Amino acid sequence: MNAKDIKPYKKNLDYSYTLGAFPTIELLKTRPQEVIALFVHPTFEVPEVMSRIAKEHHIRIEENEKLISKLSDKENVFVVGIFKKYADELEKDSSHLCLVEPSNMGNLGTIIRTTVAAGIHDIAIIGNGADIFNPKTVRASMGAVFRLRHKVYASYEDYMSKVSSRRAFAFMLTGKKQKTVLECDKPDVFTLIFGNEATGLPADYEEKAESIIIPQSDEVDSLNLTIAVGIGLFAFKNGLKILDEK
């Protein structure tokens, strides 16, 4: 692919790109087979790791200040990695994070980074949601998106039909039979389900999974989605006691 053929990002393109050195290096380390080309600013000193991996996988590095400016609205971007979009299958017997119609690309990227930090490497996305390959999502994840498997499903039922038998926990404030993340026993393999930023989970998820809440003061109505996901992930994965009930 030549630089003149590369267009500003749209969801229907079969490629996307990383903006910045750190996510680009993560791309090279984890999915070098998907990299099409690297474009750098003339003032950018290519790190040894980037140069070495590019050479090993026959990836060209080309100076192109004009293309970088066209693809990025940030002034501090000095390297762009172009990569082919790819399809994943989730690990059936691993624990998963399940996001129902996430709507914000920045939040999705932050959640991806937190998920990898918690040691979970599979994300299911239910329905229409934020584009996981959008450069804004990729950059917000700091390249962690390349370290996990993701798959989009038309429905929760479709997702559950494709994975191993497991307990699933729906984080929702409206459930009638609720336990907290402190009270709930935590199986070795599980799915944690979260709704989108504005509306949370639909009410029928109470029938689809075990309803669970994060204890909080009554001075706020809910937690930010990215914070809630982080608490849930670390509580289940690492047994972290983050809140003390009185």
Protein backbone atom coordinates (compact mmCIF):
# COMPACT_ATOMS: atom_id res chain seq x y z
CA MET A 1 0.00 0.00 0.00
CA ASN A 2 1.40 3.37 -1.04
CA ALA A 3 1.07 6.47 1.10
CA LYS A 4 -1.16 8.14 -1.50
CA ASP A 5 -3.69 5.30 -1.16
CA ILE A 6 -4.10 5.66 2.61
CA LYS A 7 -7.25 7.54 3.63
CA PRO A 8 -8.41 9.11 6.90
CA TYR A 9 -10.07 6.43 8.98
CA LYS A 10 -13.56 5.12 8.26
CA LYS A 11 -15.13 2.04 9.79
CA ASN A 12 -15.67 0.36 6.41
CA LEU A 13 -11.96 0.39 5.54
CA ASP A 14 -10.14 -2.93 5.77
CA TYR A 15 -7.19 -1.30 7.53
CA SER A 16 -6.58 1.04 10.44
CA TYR A 17 -3.57 2.70 12.02
CA THR A 18 -1.78 3.40 15.26
CA LEU A 19 -0.98 6.98 16.24
CA GLY A 20 2.21 7.41 18.24
CA ALA A 21 5.30 5.40 19.08
CA PHE A 22 4.02 3.36 22.04
CA PRO A 23 0.92 1.78 20.41
CA THR A 24 2.92 1.27 17.21
CA ILE A 25 5.60 -0.67 19.09
CA GLU A 26 2.89 -2.74 20.79
CA LEU A 27 1.46 -3.51 17.35
CA LEU A 28 4.88 -4.61 16.10
CA LYS A 29 5.57 -6.76 19.16
CA THR A 30 2.24 -8.58 19.15
CA ARG A 31 0.85 -8.63 15.59
CA PRO A 32 3.71 -7.93 13.17
CA GLN A 33 2.05 -10.11 10.54
CA GLU A 34 -0.77 -7.55 10.25
CA VAL A 35 1.48 -4.51 9.73
CA ILE A 36 1.43 -3.00 6.25
CA ALA A 37 3.86 -0.11 6.68
CA LEU A 38 5.29 2.40 9.15
CA PHE A 39 5.43 6.13 8.47
CA VAL A 40 7.60 8.43 10.54
CA HIS A 41 8.20 12.15 10.86
CA PRO A 42 11.59 13.29 9.46
CA THR A 43 12.61 14.42 12.97
CA PHE A 44 11.69 11.11 14.59
CA GLU A 45 14.54 8.88 15.74
CA VAL A 46 13.35 5.33 15.11
CA PRO A 47 13.79 3.20 18.28
CA GLU A 48 15.96 0.12 17.97
CA VAL A 49 13.07 -2.23 18.79
CA MET A 50 10.95 -0.74 16.01
CA SER A 51 13.75 -0.93 13.49
CA ARG A 52 14.64 -4.51 14.46
CA ILE A 53 11.10 -5.92 14.28
CA ALA A 54 10.40 -4.10 11.02
CA LYS A 55 13.54 -5.59 9.49
CA GLU A 56 12.72 -9.10 10.74
CA HIS A 57 9.25 -8.98 9.15
CA HIS A 58 10.15 -7.02 6.03
CA ILE A 59 8.05 -4.00 7.02
CA ARG A 60 9.04 -0.78 5.33
CA ILE A 61 9.66 2.40 7.31
CA GLU A 62 9.06 5.56 5.30
CA GLU A 63 9.38 9.24 6.18
CA ASN A 64 6.16 11.10 5.39
CA GLU A 65 5.28 14.18 7.41
CA LYS A 66 2.34 15.05 5.15
CA LEU A 67 0.59 11.70 5.66
CA ILE A 68 1.03 11.84 9.43
CA SER A 69 -0.57 15.29 9.48
CA LYS A 70 -3.48 14.03 7.37
CA LEU A 71 -4.18 11.05 9.61
CA SER A 72 -3.73 12.66 13.01
CA ASP A 73 -5.32 15.70 14.62
CA LYS A 74 -2.66 15.66 17.35
CA GLU A 75 0.53 17.69 17.08
CA ASN A 76 2.67 15.22 19.01
CA VAL A 77 2.32 12.25 16.64
CA PHE A 78 5.62 11.32 14.98
CA VAL A 79 4.94 7.75 13.86
CA VAL A 80 1.95 5.96 12.34
CA GLY A 81 1.61 2.22 11.85
CA ILE A 82 -0.78 0.98 9.16
CA PHE A 83 -2.24 -2.48 9.85
CA LYS A 84 -4.80 -4.85 8.37
CA LYS A 85 -7.94 -5.41 10.39
CA TYR A 86 -8.17 -8.97 11.65
CA ALA A 87 -10.72 -11.40 13.07
CA ASP A 88 -10.39 -13.18 16.41
CA GLU A 89 -12.08 -16.09 18.14
CA LEU A 90 -12.36 -15.93 21.90
CA GLU A 91 -10.71 -18.58 24.05
CA LYS A 92 -13.71 -20.71 25.02
CA ASP A 93 -12.40 -21.84 28.40
CA SER A 94 -11.03 -18.49 29.60
CA SER A 95 -12.71 -15.75 31.60
CA HIS A 96 -14.23 -12.97 29.51
CA LEU A 97 -15.32 -9.37 29.74
CA CYS A 98 -18.62 -8.77 27.94
CA LEU A 99 -19.59 -5.22 26.91
CA VAL A 100 -23.13 -4.56 25.72
CA GLU A 101 -23.18 -1.78 23.11
CA PRO A 102 -20.30 0.33 24.48
CA SER A 103 -20.66 3.79 22.97
CA ASN A 104 -17.48 5.74 23.66
CA MET A 105 -14.22 4.92 21.88
CA GLY A 106 -12.02 6.53 24.52
CA ASN A 107 -13.74 4.57 27.27
CA LEU A 108 -13.48 1.37 25.25
CA GLY A 109 -9.74 1.88 24.81
CA THR A 110 -9.26 2.53 28.53
CA ILE A 111 -11.32 -0.56 29.39
CA ILE A 112 -9.20 -2.68 27.04
CA ARG A 113 -6.02 -1.49 28.74
CA THR A 114 -7.51 -2.24 32.18
CA THR A 115 -8.68 -5.68 31.05
CA VAL A 116 -5.20 -6.69 29.94
CA ALA A 117 -3.74 -5.28 33.16
CA ALA A 118 -6.12 -7.51 35.13
CA GLY A 119 -4.90 -10.56 33.23
CA ILE A 120 -7.98 -11.15 31.07
CA HIS A 121 -7.43 -11.42 27.32
CA ASP A 122 -10.89 -11.95 25.83
CA ILE A 123 -13.57 -9.31 25.22
CA ALA A 124 -17.01 -9.96 23.76
CA ILE A 125 -18.89 -6.96 22.35
CA ILE A 126 -22.65 -7.38 22.05
CA GLY A 127 -24.54 -5.48 19.33
CA ASN A 128 -23.59 -2.19 17.74
CA GLY A 129 -21.01 -0.30 19.69
CA ALA A 130 -17.84 1.73 19.54
CA ASP A 131 -15.38 0.62 16.86
CA ILE A 132 -12.54 -1.31 18.46
CA PHE A 133 -10.28 -0.65 15.44
CA ASN A 134 -10.85 3.11 15.40
CA PRO A 135 -7.47 4.84 15.92
CA LYS A 136 -8.98 6.69 18.90
CA THR A 137 -9.78 3.37 20.58
CA VAL A 138 -6.37 1.95 19.71
CA ARG A 139 -4.56 4.98 21.10
CA ALA A 140 -6.66 5.10 24.29
CA SER A 141 -5.75 1.44 24.86
CA MET A 142 -2.05 2.33 24.50
CA GLY A 143 -1.78 -0.61 22.12
CA ALA A 144 -3.22 -3.12 24.62
CA VAL A 145 -5.92 -3.90 22.05
CA PHE A 146 -3.32 -5.98 20.19
CA ARG A 147 -2.73 -8.14 23.27
CA LEU A 148 -6.25 -9.53 23.58
CA ARG A 149 -8.85 -11.35 21.52
CA HIS A 150 -12.13 -9.63 20.70
CA LYS A 151 -15.27 -10.62 18.87
CA VAL A 152 -18.57 -8.87 18.11
CA TYR A 153 -21.80 -10.85 18.59
CA ALA A 154 -25.30 -10.00 17.43
CA SER A 155 -26.77 -10.95 20.80
CA TYR A 156 -25.82 -12.17 24.26
CA GLU A 157 -27.44 -15.52 23.47
CA ASP A 158 -25.22 -15.87 20.41
CA TYR A 159 -22.16 -15.18 22.56
CA MET A 160 -23.13 -17.70 25.25
CA SER A 161 -23.78 -20.40 22.65
CA LYS A 162 -20.15 -20.13 21.51
CA VAL A 163 -18.36 -20.37 24.88
CA SER A 164 -17.93 -23.03 27.54
CA SER A 165 -20.44 -23.47 30.36
CA ARG A 166 -19.75 -20.73 32.90
CA ARG A 167 -21.24 -18.41 35.46
CA ALA A 168 -21.95 -14.92 34.20
CA PHE A 169 -22.32 -11.81 36.35
CA ALA A 170 -24.30 -8.77 35.22
CA PHE A 171 -23.31 -5.49 36.86
CA MET A 172 -26.60 -3.64 37.24
CA LEU A 173 -28.24 -1.41 39.83
CA THR A 174 -31.81 -2.61 39.22
CA GLY A 175 -31.51 -6.33 39.91
CA LYS A 176 -33.87 -7.80 42.52
CA LYS A 177 -31.53 -10.51 43.81
CA GLN A 178 -28.20 -8.80 44.13
CA LYS A 179 -24.90 -9.64 45.73
CA THR A 180 -21.94 -7.33 45.97
CA VAL A 181 -18.50 -7.99 44.53
CA LEU A 182 -17.43 -8.63 48.13
CA GLU A 183 -20.11 -11.21 48.94
CA CYS A 184 -20.05 -13.10 45.67
CA ASP A 185 -17.92 -16.22 45.36
CA LYS A 186 -15.65 -16.03 42.37
CA PRO A 187 -15.30 -19.05 40.07
CA ASP A 188 -12.14 -19.77 38.11
CA VAL A 189 -13.88 -19.12 34.78
CA PHE A 190 -16.49 -16.39 34.46
CA THR A 191 -17.95 -13.66 32.30
CA LEU A 192 -18.46 -10.13 33.64
CA ILE A 193 -21.15 -8.16 31.81
CA PHE A 194 -21.46 -4.38 31.67
CA GLY A 195 -23.90 -2.12 29.82
CA ASN A 196 -23.14 1.09 28.01
CA GLU A 197 -22.27 4.44 29.53
CA ALA A 198 -25.71 6.05 29.27
CA THR A 199 -28.27 3.33 29.95
CA GLY A 200 -26.45 0.44 31.61
CA LEU A 201 -27.76 -3.08 31.01
CA PRO A 202 -31.31 -3.80 29.83
CA ALA A 203 -33.56 -5.13 32.61
CA ASP A 204 -33.76 -8.62 31.07
CA TYR A 205 -30.11 -9.27 31.88
CA GLU A 206 -31.25 -10.03 35.41
CA GLU A 207 -32.70 -13.25 33.96
CA LYS A 208 -29.64 -13.97 31.83
CA ALA A 209 -26.94 -13.73 34.50
CA GLU A 210 -26.36 -13.30 38.22
CA SER A 211 -27.05 -9.70 39.19
CA ILE A 212 -24.21 -8.03 41.05
CA ILE A 213 -23.38 -4.54 42.33
CA ILE A 214 -20.38 -2.59 43.54
CA PRO A 215 -21.16 -1.13 46.98
CA GLN A 216 -20.95 2.66 47.02
CA SER A 217 -22.22 5.63 48.98
CA ASP A 218 -25.68 6.98 48.21
CA GLU A 219 -24.22 10.38 47.36
CA VAL A 220 -23.79 9.41 43.68
CA ASP A 221 -26.17 7.50 41.45
CA SER A 222 -23.57 5.31 39.74
CA LEU A 223 -19.91 4.84 38.91
CA ASN A 224 -18.24 5.76 35.64
CA LEU A 225 -18.20 2.70 33.37
CA THR A 226 -14.42 2.49 33.10
CA ILE A 227 -14.05 2.67 36.90
CA ALA A 228 -16.77 0.05 37.44
CA VAL A 229 -15.17 -2.33 34.95
CA GLY A 230 -11.77 -1.90 36.62
CA ILE A 231 -13.17 -2.65 40.07
CA GLY A 232 -15.08 -5.68 38.79
CA LEU A 233 -12.15 -7.11 36.88
CA PHE A 234 -9.64 -6.83 39.69
CA ALA A 235 -12.09 -8.03 42.33
CA PHE A 236 -12.88 -11.19 40.36
CA LYS A 237 -9.49 -11.87 38.83
CA ASN A 238 -7.25 -11.02 41.76
CA GLY A 239 -9.57 -11.24 44.77
CA LEU A 240 -8.83 -7.60 45.51
CA LYS A 241 -10.78 -6.30 48.51
CA ILE A 242 -11.32 -2.77 47.36
CA LEU A 243 -14.25 -1.74 49.50
CA ASP A 244 -15.05 -2.43 53.13
CA GLU A 245 -18.70 -2.76 54.04
CA LYS A 246 -19.64 -1.32 57.38
